[in-house]
Amino acid sequence: MERCMKKLVDDIPVSYRQEIGDGYYVSITTGFYCIDIRKFFIPHGKTEIVATRRGLALRLGEWANLRKIMVAIDNSHPTLATAMSCCSMMTT
């Protein structure tokens, strides 16, 4: 992902998307200088996934700050690495 961010800054075409769980994806796309986090779904009668309208877009600097905070949290609370997502326990 960090390589994709560098490509984005260097104006090299990039299209990156990775699922982080429960239908949520992190995306980096040429032309948008941000890290996009949103839920995707498959519309009724379709076969391709589509992004929801709601999501979170973090500027590259904001993403860098969040990564630093995540490292500090991981170091301070190593038991969180084995925690189960509450989303995976919910039913619709």
N, C-alpha and C. Protein backbone atom coordinates (compact mmCIF):
# COMPACT_ATOMS: atom_id res chain seq x y z
N MET A 1 0.82 -1.19 0.00
CA MET A 1 0.00 0.00 0.00
C MET A 1 0.87 1.26 0.00
N GLU A 2 1.96 1.21 0.74
CA GLU A 2 2.85 2.37 0.78
C GLU A 2 3.44 2.65 -0.60
N ARG A 3 3.73 1.58 -1.37
CA ARG A 3 4.24 1.78 -2.74
C ARG A 3 3.20 2.47 -3.61
N CYS A 4 1.94 2.11 -3.42
CA CYS A 4 0.86 2.74 -4.19
C CYS A 4 0.74 4.21 -3.84
N MET A 5 0.91 4.54 -2.56
CA MET A 5 0.85 5.95 -2.15
C MET A 5 1.98 6.73 -2.82
N LYS A 6 3.18 6.14 -2.88
CA LYS A 6 4.31 6.82 -3.52
C LYS A 6 4.02 7.03 -5.00
N LYS A 7 3.45 6.02 -5.67
CA LYS A 7 3.09 6.17 -7.08
C LYS A 7 2.09 7.31 -7.26
N LEU A 8 1.14 7.39 -6.35
CA LEU A 8 0.13 8.44 -6.42
C LEU A 8 0.78 9.82 -6.35
N VAL A 9 1.70 9.98 -5.41
CA VAL A 9 2.40 11.26 -5.24
C VAL A 9 3.28 11.57 -6.45
N ASP A 10 3.86 10.53 -7.05
CA ASP A 10 4.73 10.72 -8.22
C ASP A 10 3.95 10.78 -9.53
N ASP A 11 2.62 10.85 -9.46
CA ASP A 11 1.75 10.90 -10.64
C ASP A 11 1.93 9.70 -11.58
N ILE A 12 2.16 8.53 -10.99
CA ILE A 12 2.21 7.27 -11.74
C ILE A 12 0.84 6.62 -11.57
N PRO A 13 0.21 6.16 -12.66
CA PRO A 13 -1.12 5.56 -12.54
C PRO A 13 -1.16 4.43 -11.51
N VAL A 14 -2.18 4.45 -10.67
CA VAL A 14 -2.32 3.43 -9.63
C VAL A 14 -3.80 3.12 -9.43
N SER A 15 -4.08 1.85 -9.21
CA SER A 15 -5.42 1.41 -8.88
C SER A 15 -5.28 0.27 -7.88
N TYR A 16 -5.54 0.56 -6.62
CA TYR A 16 -5.32 -0.40 -5.53
C TYR A 16 -6.58 -0.50 -4.70
N ARG A 17 -6.99 -1.73 -4.39
CA ARG A 17 -8.13 -1.93 -3.50
C ARG A 17 -7.91 -3.23 -2.74
N GLN A 18 -8.05 -3.16 -1.42
CA GLN A 18 -7.87 -4.33 -0.58
C GLN A 18 -8.98 -4.40 0.45
N GLU A 19 -9.58 -5.58 0.58
CA GLU A 19 -10.63 -5.76 1.58
C GLU A 19 -10.01 -5.82 2.96
N ILE A 20 -10.63 -5.12 3.91
CA ILE A 20 -10.14 -5.13 5.29
C ILE A 20 -11.13 -5.82 6.21
N GLY A 21 -12.20 -6.38 5.64
CA GLY A 21 -13.15 -7.15 6.42
C GLY A 21 -14.56 -6.62 6.33
N ASP A 22 -15.51 -7.53 6.38
CA ASP A 22 -16.95 -7.23 6.40
C ASP A 22 -17.40 -6.34 5.25
N GLY A 23 -16.78 -6.52 4.08
CA GLY A 23 -17.18 -5.75 2.91
C GLY A 23 -16.56 -4.37 2.81
N TYR A 24 -15.69 -4.01 3.75
CA TYR A 24 -15.01 -2.72 3.72
C TYR A 24 -13.69 -2.86 2.97
N TYR A 25 -13.38 -1.85 2.16
CA TYR A 25 -12.16 -1.85 1.37
C TYR A 25 -11.40 -0.55 1.57
N VAL A 26 -10.08 -0.64 1.43
CA VAL A 26 -9.21 0.53 1.38
C VAL A 26 -8.80 0.66 -0.08
N SER A 27 -8.94 1.86 -0.64
CA SER A 27 -8.64 2.08 -2.05
C SER A 27 -7.73 3.28 -2.24
N ILE A 28 -6.86 3.15 -3.26
CA ILE A 28 -6.03 4.27 -3.71
C ILE A 28 -6.19 4.30 -5.23
N THR A 29 -6.56 5.45 -5.77
CA THR A 29 -6.83 5.56 -7.19
C THR A 29 -6.20 6.84 -7.75
N THR A 30 -5.62 6.72 -8.92
CA THR A 30 -5.03 7.87 -9.61
C THR A 30 -6.06 9.00 -9.70
N GLY A 31 -5.60 10.22 -9.43
CA GLY A 31 -6.46 11.39 -9.54
C GLY A 31 -7.08 11.82 -8.22
N PHE A 32 -7.03 10.95 -7.22
CA PHE A 32 -7.58 11.26 -5.91
C PHE A 32 -6.45 11.12 -4.89
N TYR A 33 -6.00 12.21 -4.32
CA TYR A 33 -4.87 12.18 -3.40
C TYR A 33 -5.34 11.89 -1.99
N CYS A 34 -5.91 10.69 -1.85
CA CYS A 34 -6.41 10.28 -0.54
C CYS A 34 -6.49 8.77 -0.46
N ILE A 35 -6.65 8.28 0.75
CA ILE A 35 -6.90 6.88 1.02
C ILE A 35 -8.40 6.78 1.28
N ASP A 36 -9.09 5.98 0.50
CA ASP A 36 -10.54 5.88 0.58
C ASP A 36 -10.91 4.59 1.30
N ILE A 37 -11.75 4.71 2.31
CA ILE A 37 -12.22 3.55 3.08
C ILE A 37 -13.74 3.56 3.01
N ARG A 38 -14.31 2.51 2.44
CA ARG A 38 -15.77 2.45 2.36
C ARG A 38 -16.22 1.02 2.17
N LYS A 39 -17.50 0.81 2.40
CA LYS A 39 -18.11 -0.50 2.23
C LYS A 39 -18.53 -0.67 0.78
N PHE A 40 -18.37 -1.88 0.27
CA PHE A 40 -18.82 -2.25 -1.06
C PHE A 40 -19.90 -3.30 -0.93
N PHE A 41 -20.74 -3.40 -1.95
CA PHE A 41 -21.80 -4.40 -1.94
C PHE A 41 -22.08 -4.82 -3.38
N ILE A 42 -22.82 -5.91 -3.53
CA ILE A 42 -23.24 -6.36 -4.85
C ILE A 42 -24.72 -6.05 -4.98
N PRO A 43 -25.09 -5.13 -5.88
CA PRO A 43 -26.50 -4.79 -6.06
C PRO A 43 -27.31 -6.00 -6.55
N HIS A 44 -28.57 -6.01 -6.19
CA HIS A 44 -29.47 -7.10 -6.58
C HIS A 44 -29.46 -7.26 -8.10
N GLY A 45 -29.24 -8.47 -8.55
CA GLY A 45 -29.24 -8.75 -9.97
C GLY A 45 -27.93 -8.45 -10.69
N LYS A 46 -26.92 -8.02 -9.98
CA LYS A 46 -25.62 -7.68 -10.58
C LYS A 46 -24.57 -8.67 -10.09
N THR A 47 -23.39 -8.62 -10.70
CA THR A 47 -22.31 -9.51 -10.30
C THR A 47 -21.06 -8.77 -9.82
N GLU A 48 -20.96 -7.46 -10.12
CA GLU A 48 -19.78 -6.70 -9.71
C GLU A 48 -20.07 -5.90 -8.44
N ILE A 49 -19.03 -5.77 -7.60
CA ILE A 49 -19.21 -5.00 -6.38
C ILE A 49 -19.21 -3.51 -6.71
N VAL A 50 -19.94 -2.75 -5.89
CA VAL A 50 -20.10 -1.30 -6.08
C VAL A 50 -19.87 -0.63 -4.72
N ALA A 51 -19.23 0.52 -4.74
CA ALA A 51 -18.98 1.27 -3.51
C ALA A 51 -20.26 1.96 -3.04
N THR A 52 -20.43 2.02 -1.72
CA THR A 52 -21.53 2.80 -1.17
C THR A 52 -21.17 4.28 -1.28
N ARG A 53 -22.16 5.14 -1.11
CA ARG A 53 -21.90 6.58 -1.19
C ARG A 53 -21.17 7.09 0.04
N ARG A 54 -21.41 6.46 1.16
CA ARG A 54 -20.79 6.89 2.40
C ARG A 54 -19.45 6.21 2.59
N GLY A 55 -18.49 6.98 3.06
CA GLY A 55 -17.17 6.42 3.29
C GLY A 55 -16.29 7.46 3.96
N LEU A 56 -15.04 7.13 4.04
CA LEU A 56 -14.06 7.99 4.69
C LEU A 56 -12.89 8.17 3.73
N ALA A 57 -12.53 9.40 3.45
CA ALA A 57 -11.38 9.70 2.61
C ALA A 57 -10.38 10.47 3.46
N LEU A 58 -9.20 9.90 3.61
CA LEU A 58 -8.15 10.54 4.39
C LEU A 58 -7.07 11.07 3.46
N ARG A 59 -6.71 12.34 3.63
CA ARG A 59 -5.59 12.90 2.87
C ARG A 59 -4.34 12.11 3.25
N LEU A 60 -3.33 12.15 2.41
CA LEU A 60 -2.13 11.35 2.64
C LEU A 60 -1.48 11.66 3.98
N GLY A 61 -1.45 12.92 4.37
CA GLY A 61 -0.88 13.30 5.67
C GLY A 61 -1.71 12.78 6.83
N GLU A 62 -3.03 12.81 6.66
CA GLU A 62 -3.92 12.27 7.70
C GLU A 62 -3.72 10.76 7.84
N TRP A 63 -3.53 10.07 6.71
CA TRP A 63 -3.29 8.64 6.75
C TRP A 63 -1.97 8.34 7.48
N ALA A 64 -0.94 9.12 7.20
CA ALA A 64 0.35 8.93 7.87
C ALA A 64 0.21 9.10 9.38
N ASN A 65 -0.55 10.11 9.80
CA ASN A 65 -0.78 10.31 11.24
C ASN A 65 -1.55 9.15 11.85
N LEU A 66 -2.57 8.66 11.14
CA LEU A 66 -3.35 7.53 11.64
C LEU A 66 -2.48 6.29 11.79
N ARG A 67 -1.58 6.05 10.83
CA ARG A 67 -0.67 4.89 10.91
C ARG A 67 0.21 4.98 12.15
N LYS A 68 0.70 6.18 12.48
CA LYS A 68 1.52 6.36 13.68
C LYS A 68 0.71 6.02 14.93
N ILE A 69 -0.53 6.49 14.96
CA ILE A 69 -1.40 6.22 16.11
C ILE A 69 -1.69 4.73 16.22
N MET A 70 -1.93 4.07 15.08
CA MET A 70 -2.21 2.63 15.11
C MET A 70 -1.01 1.84 15.65
N VAL A 71 0.19 2.24 15.28
CA VAL A 71 1.39 1.57 15.79
C VAL A 71 1.49 1.74 17.30
N ALA A 72 1.22 2.96 17.79
CA ALA A 72 1.27 3.22 19.23
C ALA A 72 0.23 2.38 19.97
N ILE A 73 -0.97 2.28 19.41
CA ILE A 73 -2.03 1.46 20.04
C ILE A 73 -1.63 0.00 20.04
N ASP A 74 -1.12 -0.50 18.91
CA ASP A 74 -0.68 -1.90 18.84
C ASP A 74 0.39 -2.20 19.87
N ASN A 75 1.34 -1.28 20.04
CA ASN A 75 2.42 -1.48 21.01
C ASN A 75 1.91 -1.43 22.45
N SER A 76 0.95 -0.57 22.72
CA SER A 76 0.43 -0.41 24.08
C SER A 76 -0.57 -1.50 24.47
N HIS A 77 -1.27 -2.05 23.48
CA HIS A 77 -2.33 -3.03 23.75
C HIS A 77 -2.22 -4.22 22.80
N PRO A 78 -1.22 -5.08 22.97
CA PRO A 78 -1.02 -6.19 22.03
C PRO A 78 -2.18 -7.18 21.99
N THR A 79 -3.01 -7.22 23.03
CA THR A 79 -4.14 -8.15 23.03
C THR A 79 -5.20 -7.76 22.01
N LEU A 80 -5.19 -6.52 21.54
CA LEU A 80 -6.16 -6.10 20.53
C LEU A 80 -5.94 -6.83 19.20
N ALA A 81 -4.74 -7.35 18.98
CA ALA A 81 -4.45 -8.06 17.73
C ALA A 81 -5.31 -9.31 17.58
N THR A 82 -5.78 -9.86 18.71
CA THR A 82 -6.58 -11.08 18.65
C THR A 82 -8.07 -10.79 18.86
N ALA A 83 -8.44 -9.53 18.92
CA ALA A 83 -9.85 -9.17 19.14
C ALA A 83 -10.68 -9.49 17.91
N MET A 84 -11.94 -9.88 18.14
CA MET A 84 -12.85 -10.17 17.04
C MET A 84 -13.65 -8.92 16.71
N SER A 85 -13.81 -8.65 15.43
CA SER A 85 -14.59 -7.50 14.99
C SER A 85 -16.04 -7.66 15.41
N CYS A 86 -16.62 -6.60 15.96
CA CYS A 86 -18.03 -6.67 16.34
C CYS A 86 -18.93 -6.75 15.12
N CYS A 87 -18.45 -6.26 13.97
CA CYS A 87 -19.24 -6.33 12.73
C CYS A 87 -19.45 -7.77 12.30
N SER A 88 -18.45 -8.62 12.52
CA SER A 88 -18.58 -10.01 12.10
C SER A 88 -19.55 -10.77 12.97
N MET A 89 -19.89 -10.25 14.14
CA MET A 89 -20.83 -10.91 15.04
C MET A 89 -22.25 -10.43 14.82
N MET A 90 -22.43 -9.32 14.10
CA MET A 90 -23.76 -8.76 13.89
C MET A 90 -24.49 -9.52 12.80
N THR A 91 -25.81 -9.55 12.91
CA THR A 91 -26.63 -10.13 11.86
C THR A 91 -27.49 -9.04 11.26
N THR A 92 -27.85 -9.20 10.00
CA THR A 92 -28.67 -8.18 9.35
C THR A 92 -30.08 -8.61 9.23
